[in-house]
PDB file of N, CA and C in Angstrom:
ATOM      1  N   MET A   1      35.737  -5.834  52.793  1.00  0.00           N
ATOM      2  CA  MET A   1      36.012  -7.277  52.226  1.00  0.00           C
ATOM      3  C   MET A   1      36.868  -7.874  53.157  1.00  0.00           C
ATOM      4  N   ILE A   2      36.384  -9.133  53.247  1.00  0.00           N
ATOM      5  CA  ILE A   2      37.364 -10.015  54.260  1.00  0.00           C
ATOM      6  C   ILE A   2      37.853 -11.256  53.515  1.00  0.00           C
ATOM      7  N   PHE A   3      39.215 -11.455  53.530  1.00  0.00           N
ATOM      8  CA  PHE A   3      39.772 -12.651  53.123  1.00  0.00           C
ATOM      9  C   PHE A   3      39.971 -13.562  54.169  1.00  0.00           C
ATOM     10  N   ILE A   4      40.020 -14.839  53.944  1.00  0.00           N
ATOM     11  CA  ILE A   4      40.459 -15.863  54.947  1.00  0.00           C
ATOM     12  C   ILE A   4      41.900 -16.408  54.373  1.00  0.00           C
ATOM     13  N   ASN A   5      42.667 -16.275  55.448  1.00  0.00           N
ATOM     14  CA  ASN A   5      44.178 -16.666  55.137  1.00  0.00           C
ATOM     15  C   ASN A   5      44.264 -18.258  55.223  1.00  0.00           C
ATOM     16  N   PRO A   6      45.409 -18.783  54.646  1.00  0.00           N
ATOM     17  CA  PRO A   6      45.589 -20.392  54.863  1.00  0.00           C
ATOM     18  C   PRO A   6      45.343 -20.884  56.045  1.00  0.00           C
ATOM     19  N   ARG A   7      45.519 -20.098  57.153  1.00  0.00           N
ATOM     20  CA  ARG A   7      45.317 -20.807  58.515  1.00  0.00           C
ATOM     21  C   ARG A   7      43.957 -20.509  59.118  1.00  0.00           C
ATOM     22  N   GLY A   8      42.978 -19.947  58.244  1.00  0.00           N
ATOM     23  CA  GLY A   8      41.741 -19.708  58.494  1.00  0.00           C
ATOM     24  C   GLY A   8      41.177 -18.466  59.270  1.00  0.00           C
ATOM     25  N   ALA A   9      42.230 -17.615  59.482  1.00  0.00           N
ATOM     26  CA  ALA A   9      42.043 -16.377  60.200  1.00  0.00           C
ATOM     27  C   ALA A   9      41.525 -15.261  59.002  1.00  0.00           C
ATOM     28  N   PRO A  10      40.525 -14.345  59.458  1.00  0.00           N
ATOM     29  CA  PRO A  10      40.181 -13.362  58.591  1.00  0.00           C
ATOM     30  C   PRO A  10      41.186 -12.169  58.482  1.00  0.00           C
ATOM     31  N   GLU A  11      41.134 -11.618  57.331  1.00  0.00           N
ATOM     32  CA  GLU A  11      41.977 -10.534  57.052  1.00  0.00           C
ATOM     33  C   GLU A  11      41.089  -9.546  56.331  1.00  0.00           C
ATOM     34  N   LEU A  12      41.356  -8.214  56.768  1.00  0.00           N
ATOM     35  CA  LEU A  12      40.622  -7.041  56.317  1.00  0.00           C
ATOM     36  C   LEU A  12      41.231  -6.469  55.073  1.00  0.00           C
ATOM     37  N   ALA A  13      40.495  -6.368  53.989  1.00  0.00           N
ATOM     38  CA  ALA A  13      40.950  -5.710  52.751  1.00  0.00           C
ATOM     39  C   ALA A  13      40.124  -4.636  52.313  1.00  0.00           C
ATOM     40  N   CYS A  14      40.522  -3.774  51.323  1.00  0.00           N
ATOM     41  CA  CYS A  14      39.952  -2.673  50.686  1.00  0.00           C
ATOM     42  C   CYS A  14      38.856  -3.253  49.936  1.00  0.00           C
ATOM     43  N   ASP A  15      37.584  -2.448  50.005  1.00  0.00           N
ATOM     44  CA  ASP A  15      36.579  -3.014  49.280  1.00  0.00           C
ATOM     45  C   ASP A  15      36.662  -2.374  47.774  1.00  0.00           C
ATOM     46  N   HIS A  16      37.588  -1.448  47.600  1.00  0.00           N
ATOM     47  CA  HIS A  16      37.744  -0.762  46.257  1.00  0.00           C
ATOM     48  C   HIS A  16      38.889  -1.694  45.312  1.00  0.00           C
ATOM     49  N   CYS A  17      39.947  -1.973  46.037  1.00  0.00           N
ATOM     50  CA  CYS A  17      40.910  -2.670  45.242  1.00  0.00           C
ATOM     51  C   CYS A  17      41.449  -3.950  45.662  1.00  0.00           C
ATOM     52  N   GLY A  18      41.027  -4.351  46.826  1.00  0.00           N
ATOM     53  CA  GLY A  18      41.437  -5.620  47.421  1.00  0.00           C
ATOM     54  C   GLY A  18      42.588  -5.723  48.300  1.00  0.00           C
ATOM     55  N   CYS A  19      43.264  -4.623  48.219  1.00  0.00           N
ATOM     56  CA  CYS A  19      44.607  -4.493  49.091  1.00  0.00           C
ATOM     57  C   CYS A  19      44.330  -4.936  50.444  1.00  0.00           C
ATOM     58  N   ARG A  20      45.157  -5.653  50.994  1.00  0.00           N
ATOM     59  CA  ARG A  20      45.078  -5.979  52.399  1.00  0.00           C
ATOM     60  C   ARG A  20      45.993  -5.098  53.588  1.00  0.00           C
ATOM     61  N   TRP A  21      46.533  -4.109  52.913  1.00  0.00           N
ATOM     62  CA  TRP A  21      47.407  -3.157  53.764  1.00  0.00           C
ATOM     63  C   TRP A  21      46.469  -1.967  53.996  1.00  0.00           C
ATOM     64  N   VAL A  22      46.355  -1.814  55.174  1.00  0.00           N
ATOM     65  CA  VAL A  22      45.350  -0.728  55.716  1.00  0.00           C
ATOM     66  C   VAL A  22      46.118   0.134  56.769  1.00  0.00           C
ATOM     67  N   ASP A  23      46.203   1.387  56.614  1.00  0.00           N
ATOM     68  CA  ASP A  23      46.838   2.272  57.533  1.00  0.00           C
ATOM     69  C   ASP A  23      45.687   2.931  58.347  1.00  0.00           C
ATOM     70  N   ARG A  24      46.044   2.766  59.715  1.00  0.00           N
ATOM     71  CA  ARG A  24      44.943   3.486  60.710  1.00  0.00           C
ATOM     72  C   ARG A  24      45.474   4.439  61.307  1.00  0.00           C
ATOM     73  N   LEU A  25      45.067   5.782  60.893  1.00  0.00           N
ATOM     74  CA  LEU A  25      45.386   7.162  61.523  1.00  0.00           C
ATOM     75  C   LEU A  25      44.420   7.791  62.130  1.00  0.00           C
ATOM     76  N   LYS A  26      44.573   8.181  63.320  1.00  0.00           N
ATOM     77  CA  LYS A  26      43.562   9.008  64.214  1.00  0.00           C
ATOM     78  C   LYS A  26      42.218   8.386  64.096  1.00  0.00           C
ATOM     79  N   GLY A  27      42.039   7.210  64.170  1.00  0.00           N
ATOM     80  CA  GLY A  27      40.824   6.396  64.318  1.00  0.00           C
ATOM     81  C   GLY A  27      40.148   6.160  63.064  1.00  0.00           C
ATOM     82  N   THR A  28      40.758   6.546  61.799  1.00  0.00           N
ATOM     83  CA  THR A  28      40.238   6.281  60.391  1.00  0.00           C
ATOM     84  C   THR A  28      41.083   5.528  59.792  1.00  0.00           C
ATOM     85  N   ALA A  29      40.766   4.355  59.068  1.00  0.00           N
ATOM     86  CA  ALA A  29      41.515   3.487  58.286  1.00  0.00           C
ATOM     87  C   ALA A  29      41.528   3.896  56.776  1.00  0.00           C
ATOM     88  N   TYR A  30      42.612   3.817  56.023  1.00  0.00           N
ATOM     89  CA  TYR A  30      42.772   4.047  54.725  1.00  0.00           C
ATOM     90  C   TYR A  30      43.660   3.010  54.030  1.00  0.00           C
ATOM     91  N   CYS A  31      43.190   2.650  52.861  1.00  0.00           N
ATOM     92  CA  CYS A  31      44.093   1.565  52.015  1.00  0.00           C
ATOM     93  C   CYS A  31      45.305   2.266  51.587  1.00  0.00           C
ATOM     94  N   TYR A  32      46.500   1.410  51.787  1.00  0.00           N
ATOM     95  CA  TYR A  32      47.729   1.969  51.210  1.00  0.00           C
ATOM     96  C   TYR A  32      47.734   2.003  49.656  1.00  0.00           C
ATOM     97  N   GLU A  33      47.169   1.108  49.014  1.00  0.00           N
ATOM     98  CA  GLU A  33      47.211   0.815  47.728  1.00  0.00           C
ATOM     99  C   GLU A  33      46.561   2.117  46.900  1.00  0.00           C
ATOM    100  N   CYS A  34      45.144   2.395  47.238  1.00  0.00           N
ATOM    101  CA  CYS A  34      44.378   3.322  46.364  1.00  0.00           C
ATOM    102  C   CYS A  34      44.058   4.493  47.285  1.00  0.00           C
ATOM    103  N   GLY A  35      44.216   4.515  48.620  1.00  0.00           N
ATOM    104  CA  GLY A  35      43.933   5.576  49.430  1.00  0.00           C
ATOM    105  C   GLY A  35      42.410   5.813  49.858  1.00  0.00           C
ATOM    106  N   GLU A  36      41.532   4.784  49.409  1.00  0.00           N
ATOM    107  CA  GLU A  36      40.197   4.953  49.852  1.00  0.00           C
ATOM    108  C   GLU A  36      40.093   4.570  51.411  1.00  0.00           C
ATOM    109  N   GLU A  37      39.094   5.265  51.958  1.00  0.00           N
ATOM    110  CA  GLU A  37      38.710   4.910  53.294  1.00  0.00           C
ATOM    111  C   GLU A  37      38.166   3.580  53.600  1.00  0.00           C
ATOM    112  N   ILE A  38      38.527   2.987  54.577  1.00  0.00           N
ATOM    113  CA  ILE A  38      37.967   1.780  54.937  1.00  0.00           C
ATOM    114  C   ILE A  38      36.716   2.023  55.877  1.00  0.00           C
ATOM    115  N   THR A  39      35.597   1.581  55.341  1.00  0.00           N
ATOM    116  CA  THR A  39      34.353   2.122  56.036  1.00  0.00           C
ATOM    117  C   THR A  39      34.081   1.463  57.431  1.00  0.00           C
ATOM    118  N   ALA A  40      33.383   2.098  58.372  1.00  0.00           N
ATOM    119  CA  ALA A  40      32.931   1.563  59.623  1.00  0.00           C
ATOM    120  C   ALA A  40      32.317   0.241  59.581  1.00  0.00           C
ATOM    121  N   ALA A  41      31.587   0.235  58.510  1.00  0.00           N
ATOM    122  CA  ALA A  41      30.727  -1.177  58.315  1.00  0.00           C
ATOM    123  C   ALA A  41      31.681  -2.282  57.982  1.00  0.00           C
ATOM    124  N   SER A  42      32.677  -1.953  57.174  1.00  0.00           N
ATOM    125  CA  SER A  42      33.605  -3.066  56.875  1.00  0.00           C
ATOM    126  C   SER A  42      34.617  -3.516  58.174  1.00  0.00           C
ATOM    127  N   ILE A  43      34.866  -2.471  58.797  1.00  0.00           N
ATOM    128  CA  ILE A  43      35.666  -2.771  60.225  1.00  0.00           C
ATOM    129  C   ILE A  43      34.899  -3.538  61.131  1.00  0.00           C
ATOM    130  N   ALA A  44      33.428  -3.255  61.231  1.00  0.00           N
ATOM    131  CA  ALA A  44      32.544  -3.971  62.030  1.00  0.00           C
ATOM    132  C   ALA A  44      32.440  -5.400  61.702  1.00  0.00           C
ATOM    133  N   GLU A  45      32.298  -5.551  60.381  1.00  0.00           N
ATOM    134  CA  GLU A  45      32.196  -6.858  59.728  1.00  0.00           C
ATOM    135  C   GLU A  45      33.533  -7.747  60.045  1.00  0.00           C
ATOM    136  N   PHE A  46      34.701  -7.100  59.846  1.00  0.00           N
ATOM    137  CA  PHE A  46      35.823  -7.655  60.264  1.00  0.00           C
ATOM    138  C   PHE A  46      35.925  -8.034  61.765  1.00  0.00           C
ATOM    139  N   GLN A  47      35.612  -7.225  62.477  1.00  0.00           N
ATOM    140  CA  GLN A  47      35.686  -7.510  64.024  1.00  0.00           C
ATOM    141  C   GLN A  47      34.805  -8.768  64.418  1.00  0.00           C
ATOM    142  N   GLN A  48      33.568  -8.749  63.728  1.00  0.00           N
ATOM    143  CA  GLN A  48      32.653  -9.863  63.957  1.00  0.00           C
ATOM    144  C   GLN A  48      33.396 -11.280  63.644  1.00  0.00           C
ATOM    145  N   ALA A  49      34.045 -11.202  62.443  1.00  0.00           N
ATOM    146  CA  ALA A  49      34.758 -12.257  61.835  1.00  0.00           C
ATOM    147  C   ALA A  49      35.674 -12.692  62.767  1.00  0.00           C
ATOM    148  N   LEU A  50      36.408 -11.831  63.350  1.00  0.00           N
ATOM    149  CA  LEU A  50      37.480 -12.055  64.224  1.00  0.00           C
ATOM    150  C   LEU A  50      36.910 -12.778  65.600  1.00  0.00           C
ATOM    151  N   VAL A  51      35.741 -12.237  66.175  1.00  0.00           N
ATOM    152  CA  VAL A  51      35.122 -12.945  67.172  1.00  0.00           C
ATOM    153  C   VAL A  51      34.679 -14.334  66.911  1.00  0.00           C
ATOM    154  N   GLU A  52      34.159 -14.501  65.795  1.00  0.00           N
ATOM    155  CA  GLU A  52      33.818 -15.870  65.182  1.00  0.00           C
ATOM    156  C   GLU A  52      34.998 -16.841  65.208  1.00  0.00           C
ATOM    157  N   PHE A  53      36.058 -16.299  64.491  1.00  0.00           N
ATOM    158  CA  PHE A  53      37.358 -17.137  64.444  1.00  0.00           C
ATOM    159  C   PHE A  53      37.822 -17.496  65.889  1.00  0.00           C
ATOM    160  N   SER A  54      37.915 -16.569  66.846  1.00  0.00           N
ATOM    161  CA  SER A  54      38.351 -16.706  68.067  1.00  0.00           C
ATOM    162  C   SER A  54      37.548 -17.924  68.871  1.00  0.00           C
ATOM    163  N   ALA A  55      36.221 -17.748  68.662  1.00  0.00           N
ATOM    164  CA  ALA A  55      35.337 -18.711  69.180  1.00  0.00           C
ATOM    165  C   ALA A  55      35.505 -20.099  68.834  1.00  0.00           C
ATOM    166  N   LYS A  56      35.770 -20.316  67.360  1.00  0.00           N
ATOM    167  CA  LYS A  56      36.134 -21.545  66.723  1.00  0.00           C
ATOM    168  C   LYS A  56      37.465 -22.002  67.548  1.00  0.00           C
ATOM    169  N   GLY A  57      38.478 -21.199  67.567  1.00  0.00           N
ATOM    170  CA  GLY A  57      39.876 -21.706  68.362  1.00  0.00           C
ATOM    171  C   GLY A  57      39.583 -22.064  69.733  1.00  0.00           C
ATOM    172  N   ALA A  58      38.634 -21.441  70.401  1.00  0.00           N
ATOM    173  CA  ALA A  58      38.408 -21.789  71.793  1.00  0.00           C
ATOM    174  C   ALA A  58      37.739 -23.145  71.773  1.00  0.00           C
ATOM    175  N   GLY A  59      36.949 -23.431  70.816  1.00  0.00           N
ATOM    176  CA  GLY A  59      36.198 -24.824  70.835  1.00  0.00           C
ATOM    177  C   GLY A  59      37.249 -25.914  70.588  1.00  0.00           C
ATOM    178  N   ARG A  60      38.165 -25.574  69.700  1.00  0.00           N
ATOM    179  CA  ARG A  60      39.315 -26.581  69.446  1.00  0.00           C
ATOM    180  C   ARG A  60      40.096 -26.858  70.601  1.00  0.00           C
ATOM    181  N   GLN A  61      40.420 -25.824  71.418  1.00  0.00           N
ATOM    182  CA  GLN A  61      41.313 -25.920  72.495  1.00  0.00           C
ATOM    183  C   GLN A  61      40.484 -26.854  73.620  1.00  0.00           C
ATOM    184  N   ASP A  62      39.147 -26.570  73.753  1.00  0.00           N
ATOM    185  CA  ASP A  62      38.408 -27.355  74.625  1.00  0.00           C
ATOM    186  C   ASP A  62      38.413 -28.750  74.471  1.00  0.00           C
ATOM    187  N   SER A  63      38.279 -29.013  73.001  1.00  0.00           N
ATOM    188  CA  SER A  63      37.935 -30.505  72.729  1.00  0.00           C
ATOM    189  C   SER A  63      39.439 -31.201  72.756  1.00  0.00           C
ATOM    190  N   ALA A  64      40.511 -30.426  72.755  1.00  0.00           N
ATOM    191  CA  ALA A  64      41.928 -31.136  73.095  1.00  0.00           C
ATOM    192  C   ALA A  64      42.258 -31.426  74.171  1.00  0.00           C
ATOM    193  N   LYS A  65      41.488 -31.057  75.374  1.00  0.00           N
ATOM    194  CA  LYS A  65      41.839 -31.217  76.825  1.00  0.00           C
ATOM    195  C   LYS A  65      41.353 -32.712  77.158  1.00  0.00           C
TER     196      LYS A  65
END
């Protein structure tokens, strides 16, 4: 699950409980609240959202020049 914070940046959250606190141990991510594993698909979706957010930021910086 991905939330968008007030500044427009994506935040990864647990698909099971919605908690945004994720612990990354030995290459695996778990939710602090419920202990469920964060899936590789969720992490990939989050990484794509970060790429898109970064691209938007680069566009704003280019137009400010």
